[in-house]
Protein backbone atom coordinates (compact mmCIF):
# COMPACT_ATOMS: atom_id res chain seq x y z
CA UNK A 1 12.69 -22.26 16.89
CA UNK A 2 11.71 -18.97 18.50
CA UNK A 3 10.52 -15.54 17.40
CA UNK A 4 13.57 -13.36 18.05
CA UNK A 5 13.22 -9.68 18.87
CA UNK A 6 15.20 -6.77 20.18
CA UNK A 7 14.20 -3.40 21.64
CA UNK A 8 14.53 0.05 20.09
CA UNK A 9 13.49 3.49 21.40
CA UNK A 10 9.78 4.20 21.03
CA UNK A 11 9.57 7.51 19.14
CA UNK A 12 5.83 8.15 18.94
CA UNK A 13 4.68 11.41 20.55
CA UNK A 14 8.22 12.15 21.77
CA UNK A 15 8.02 9.30 24.27
CA UNK A 16 11.11 9.02 26.48
CA UNK A 17 12.45 5.92 28.19
CA UNK A 18 10.00 3.76 26.25
CA UNK A 19 10.90 0.91 23.89
CA UNK A 20 9.18 -1.12 21.20
CA UNK A 21 10.06 -4.56 19.86
CA UNK A 22 11.69 -5.10 16.48
CA UNK A 23 11.82 -8.59 14.96
CA UNK A 24 15.36 -9.64 14.07
CA UNK A 25 17.37 -12.63 12.79
CA UNK A 26 14.33 -14.74 11.93
CA UNK A 27 14.37 -17.15 9.02
CA UNK A 28 12.10 -16.59 6.01
CA UNK A 29 10.46 -19.74 4.62
CA UNK A 30 9.57 -19.84 0.92
CA UNK A 31 6.71 -21.68 -0.77
CA UNK A 32 9.21 -24.27 -2.00
CA UNK A 33 10.33 -25.02 1.56
CA UNK A 34 6.72 -25.25 2.75
CA UNK A 35 5.99 -27.87 0.10
CA UNK A 36 9.16 -29.80 0.95
CA UNK A 37 8.08 -29.83 4.61
CA UNK A 38 4.70 -31.24 3.57
CA UNK A 39 6.32 -34.05 1.59
CA UNK A 40 8.83 -34.81 4.35
CA UNK A 41 5.97 -35.76 6.65
CA UNK A 42 5.20 -38.75 4.45
CA UNK A 43 2.36 -37.20 2.50
CA UNK A 44 1.06 -39.26 -0.41
CA UNK A 45 0.88 -36.06 -2.47
CA UNK A 46 3.86 -35.54 -4.78
CA UNK A 47 5.67 -32.23 -5.14
CA UNK A 48 4.22 -31.71 -8.62
CA UNK A 49 0.71 -32.43 -7.35
CA UNK A 50 1.15 -30.04 -4.43
CA UNK A 51 2.36 -27.26 -6.75
CA UNK A 52 -0.59 -27.85 -9.08
CA UNK A 53 -3.14 -27.75 -6.24
CA UNK A 54 -1.60 -24.59 -4.76
CA UNK A 55 -1.67 -22.90 -8.17
CA UNK A 56 -5.35 -23.76 -8.65
CA UNK A 57 -6.16 -22.62 -5.11
CA UNK A 58 -4.37 -19.29 -5.55
CA UNK A 59 -6.01 -18.74 -8.95
CA UNK A 60 -9.45 -19.32 -7.40
CA UNK A 61 -8.71 -16.84 -4.60
CA UNK A 62 -7.44 -14.23 -7.08
CA UNK A 63 -10.52 -14.68 -9.29
CA UNK A 64 -12.81 -14.11 -6.32
CA UNK A 65 -10.90 -10.94 -5.36
CA UNK A 66 -10.96 -9.69 -8.97
CA UNK A 67 -14.74 -10.11 -8.92
CA UNK A 68 -14.96 -7.86 -5.87
CA UNK A 69 -15.73 -10.67 -3.46
CA UNK A 70 -14.43 -11.10 0.10
CA UNK A 71 -12.47 -14.27 0.87
CA UNK A 72 -12.83 -15.84 4.31
CA UNK A 73 -10.82 -19.00 5.10
CA UNK A 74 -9.44 -20.65 8.24
CA UNK A 75 -6.04 -19.10 7.43
CA UNK A 76 -6.94 -15.56 6.42
CA UNK A 77 -9.66 -13.03 5.63
CA UNK A 78 -9.19 -10.85 2.53
CA UNK A 79 -11.19 -7.92 1.24
CA UNK A 80 -10.52 -5.05 -1.14
CA UNK A 81 -10.88 -1.38 -0.16
CA UNK A 82 -10.89 1.87 -2.12
CA UNK A 83 -8.41 4.50 -0.93
CA UNK A 84 -8.37 8.21 -1.70
CA UNK A 85 -10.55 11.29 -1.23
CA UNK A 86 -13.64 11.99 -3.35
CA UNK A 87 -14.44 15.69 -3.68
CA UNK A 88 -18.18 15.19 -4.16
CA UNK A 89 -20.85 12.48 -4.08
CA UNK A 90 -20.94 12.48 -7.90
CA UNK A 91 -17.20 12.02 -8.41
CA UNK A 92 -16.22 8.72 -10.06
CA UNK A 93 -13.18 6.54 -9.42
CA UNK A 94 -10.00 8.09 -10.87
CA UNK A 95 -6.89 5.88 -10.86
CA UNK A 96 -4.71 9.02 -10.64
CA UNK A 97 -6.29 9.99 -7.30
CA UNK A 98 -7.72 6.74 -5.99
CA UNK A 99 -6.49 3.18 -5.62
CA UNK A 100 -7.78 -0.26 -4.76
CA UNK A 101 -5.85 -1.98 -2.00
CA UNK A 102 -6.06 -5.36 -0.31
CA UNK A 103 -6.57 -5.85 3.42
CA UNK A 104 -5.59 -9.19 4.92
CA UNK A 105 -6.33 -10.36 8.45
CA UNK A 106 -5.47 -13.60 10.18
CA UNK A 107 -8.15 -16.29 10.23
CA UNK A 108 -8.94 -18.51 13.22
CA UNK A 109 -6.29 -21.10 12.38
CA UNK A 110 -3.49 -18.52 12.13
CA UNK A 111 -4.64 -16.94 15.37
CA UNK A 112 -4.26 -20.33 17.06
CA UNK A 113 -0.68 -20.55 15.73
CA UNK A 114 0.19 -17.28 17.46
CA UNK A 115 -0.64 -18.85 20.81
CA UNK A 116 2.13 -21.42 20.24
CA UNK A 117 4.91 -18.98 19.33
CA UNK A 118 7.84 -18.88 21.73
CA UNK A 119 9.74 -15.60 21.88
CA UNK A 120 13.41 -14.87 22.56
CA UNK A 121 14.81 -11.45 23.39
CA UNK A 122 18.15 -10.52 21.80
CA UNK A 123 20.43 -7.53 22.17
CA UNK A 124 20.38 -5.53 18.94
CA UNK A 125 23.82 -4.99 17.49
CA UNK A 126 24.95 -1.39 17.13
CA UNK A 127 26.01 -2.34 13.62
CA UNK A 128 22.57 -3.37 12.36
CA UNK A 129 20.42 -1.28 10.01
CA UNK A 130 17.15 -0.33 11.72
CA UNK A 131 14.09 0.53 9.62
CA UNK A 132 11.61 2.60 11.61
CA UNK A 133 9.12 3.65 8.93
CA UNK A 134 8.05 2.69 5.40
CA UNK A 135 6.39 5.64 3.64
CA UNK A 136 4.82 5.40 0.19
CA UNK A 137 5.33 8.88 -1.29
CA UNK A 138 2.92 8.07 -4.12
CA UNK A 139 -0.04 7.59 -1.78
CA UNK A 140 1.33 9.96 0.89
CA UNK A 141 0.69 7.27 3.48
CA UNK A 142 2.76 5.23 5.88
CA UNK A 143 1.31 1.80 5.28
CA UNK A 144 2.00 -1.68 3.96
CA UNK A 145 0.85 -1.15 0.36
CA UNK A 146 3.00 -0.32 -2.65
CA UNK A 147 3.20 -0.83 -6.39
CA UNK A 148 5.96 -0.95 -9.00
CA UNK A 149 7.37 2.49 -9.91
CA UNK A 150 6.16 4.02 -6.62
CA UNK A 151 8.65 6.16 -4.70
CA UNK A 152 9.34 4.84 -1.20
CA UNK A 153 11.05 6.49 1.75
CA UNK A 154 12.64 4.34 4.45
CA UNK A 155 13.62 6.09 7.66
CA UNK A 156 15.66 4.72 10.48
CA UNK A 157 19.29 4.34 11.57
CA UNK A 158 22.48 3.18 9.86
CA UNK A 159 20.74 2.59 6.54
CA UNK A 160 23.43 3.94 4.19
CA UNK A 161 25.13 1.33 1.99
CA UNK A 162 27.55 1.06 -0.94
CA UNK A 163 25.37 0.86 -4.09
CA UNK A 164 28.34 -0.40 -6.12
CA UNK A 165 28.43 -3.61 -4.07
CA UNK A 166 25.74 -5.99 -5.37
CA UNK A 167 25.61 -7.74 -1.99
CA UNK A 168 24.50 -4.50 -0.32
CA UNK A 169 21.33 -2.56 -0.94
CA UNK A 170 17.56 -2.65 -0.63
CA UNK A 171 15.92 -5.98 -1.40
CA UNK A 172 12.30 -7.09 -1.77
CA UNK A 173 12.01 -10.83 -0.99
CA UNK A 174 8.75 -12.41 -2.14
CA UNK A 175 6.87 -15.39 -0.70
CA UNK A 176 8.81 -17.77 -2.95
CA UNK A 177 12.17 -16.48 -1.73
CA UNK A 178 12.97 -14.57 -4.95
CA UNK A 179 14.91 -11.36 -4.39
CA UNK A 180 14.50 -8.06 -6.24
CA UNK A 181 17.28 -5.55 -5.65
CA UNK A 182 16.48 -1.84 -5.95
CA UNK A 183 18.51 -0.12 -8.66
CA UNK A 184 16.87 3.31 -8.81
CA UNK A 185 18.19 4.94 -5.66
CA UNK A 186 17.25 8.58 -5.04
CA UNK A 187 18.65 9.17 -1.54
CA UNK A 188 21.24 7.15 0.38
CA UNK A 189 21.65 8.58 3.86
CA UNK A 190 22.16 6.91 7.26
CA UNK A 191 18.73 8.11 8.43
CA UNK A 192 16.80 7.83 5.15
CA UNK A 193 16.76 5.83 1.94
CA UNK A 194 14.56 6.94 -0.96
CA UNK A 195 14.06 4.79 -4.03
CA UNK A 196 11.77 3.70 -6.87
CA UNK A 197 10.18 0.23 -6.60
CA UNK A 198 11.56 -2.04 -9.38
CA UNK A 199 9.23 -2.38 -12.38
CA UNK A 200 9.91 -6.10 -12.85
CA UNK A 201 9.06 -7.03 -9.27
CA UNK A 202 6.78 -10.08 -9.08
CA UNK A 203 4.84 -11.65 -6.25
CA UNK A 204 2.19 -10.53 -3.77
CA UNK A 205 3.72 -10.50 -0.30
CA UNK A 206 7.22 -9.27 0.49
CA UNK A 207 9.78 -8.86 3.21
CA UNK A 208 11.90 -5.72 2.78
CA UNK A 209 15.56 -5.89 3.76
CA UNK A 210 18.40 -3.37 3.89
CA UNK A 211 21.84 -4.98 3.69
CA UNK A 212 24.96 -3.03 4.63
CA UNK A 213 28.66 -3.61 5.17
CA UNK A 214 29.90 -1.32 7.91
CA UNK A 215 33.48 -0.01 8.25
CA UNK A 216 35.95 -2.41 9.88
CA UNK A 217 33.57 -5.35 9.45
CA UNK A 218 33.61 -8.25 7.00
CA UNK A 219 30.03 -9.50 7.37
CA UNK A 220 26.94 -8.09 5.69
CA UNK A 221 24.42 -6.79 8.26
CA UNK A 222 20.71 -7.09 7.46
CA UNK A 223 17.88 -4.97 8.76
CA UNK A 224 14.29 -6.03 8.04
CA UNK A 225 11.13 -3.98 8.01
CA UNK A 226 9.07 -5.58 10.81
CA UNK A 227 5.81 -5.88 8.82
CA UNK A 228 5.00 -7.87 5.70
CA UNK A 229 4.47 -5.69 2.61
CA UNK A 230 1.80 -6.22 -0.04
CA UNK A 231 1.94 -5.15 -3.70
CA UNK A 232 -1.22 -3.96 -5.43
């Protein structure tokens, strides 16, 4: 397998004749598929045992984070940060103005994996939704963090879809492969989608997809935001 990418115009600082890579047509692997791959290698650990160990591991990591600790493993490094502006040295944390977010960086083992990735350049189809930016209008920042009920703006090309078709729309896909379709749509334009994050969304890490059916076509086209999103 390869990491597939295409090129799109680079729009920062009005750059002309410059292009940046956008990841496209790459498979998403869920936790279930990871466990099945472990078992397929002849592991003596059963599926139930693997699920139990992973649950205990994740609970231990979450407890450490909830206690304000940093987590440093071979796979990743996690630490919490406080976002927002404090008007004076005496001002206390206010959840209406400030937020706690999670920063995750690759650990040494993940960095070694990157060295083994093979890449393949593809030609992007003209009939593919392209997501250029993800902007959280609640925090007024263009970043990877979001929470349920936040208002999000997606900007790009060919993003408009038919909201009456359940196969089309904006989807959050979590690490277990569960999909959460956006129902509260505020704006549905080719260059911008604006929506409210579903309240019942569950998970920690997400891939965001926009799925459209273009005129004179019979196949759903999927555009993915190139970065993994994190709920807080």
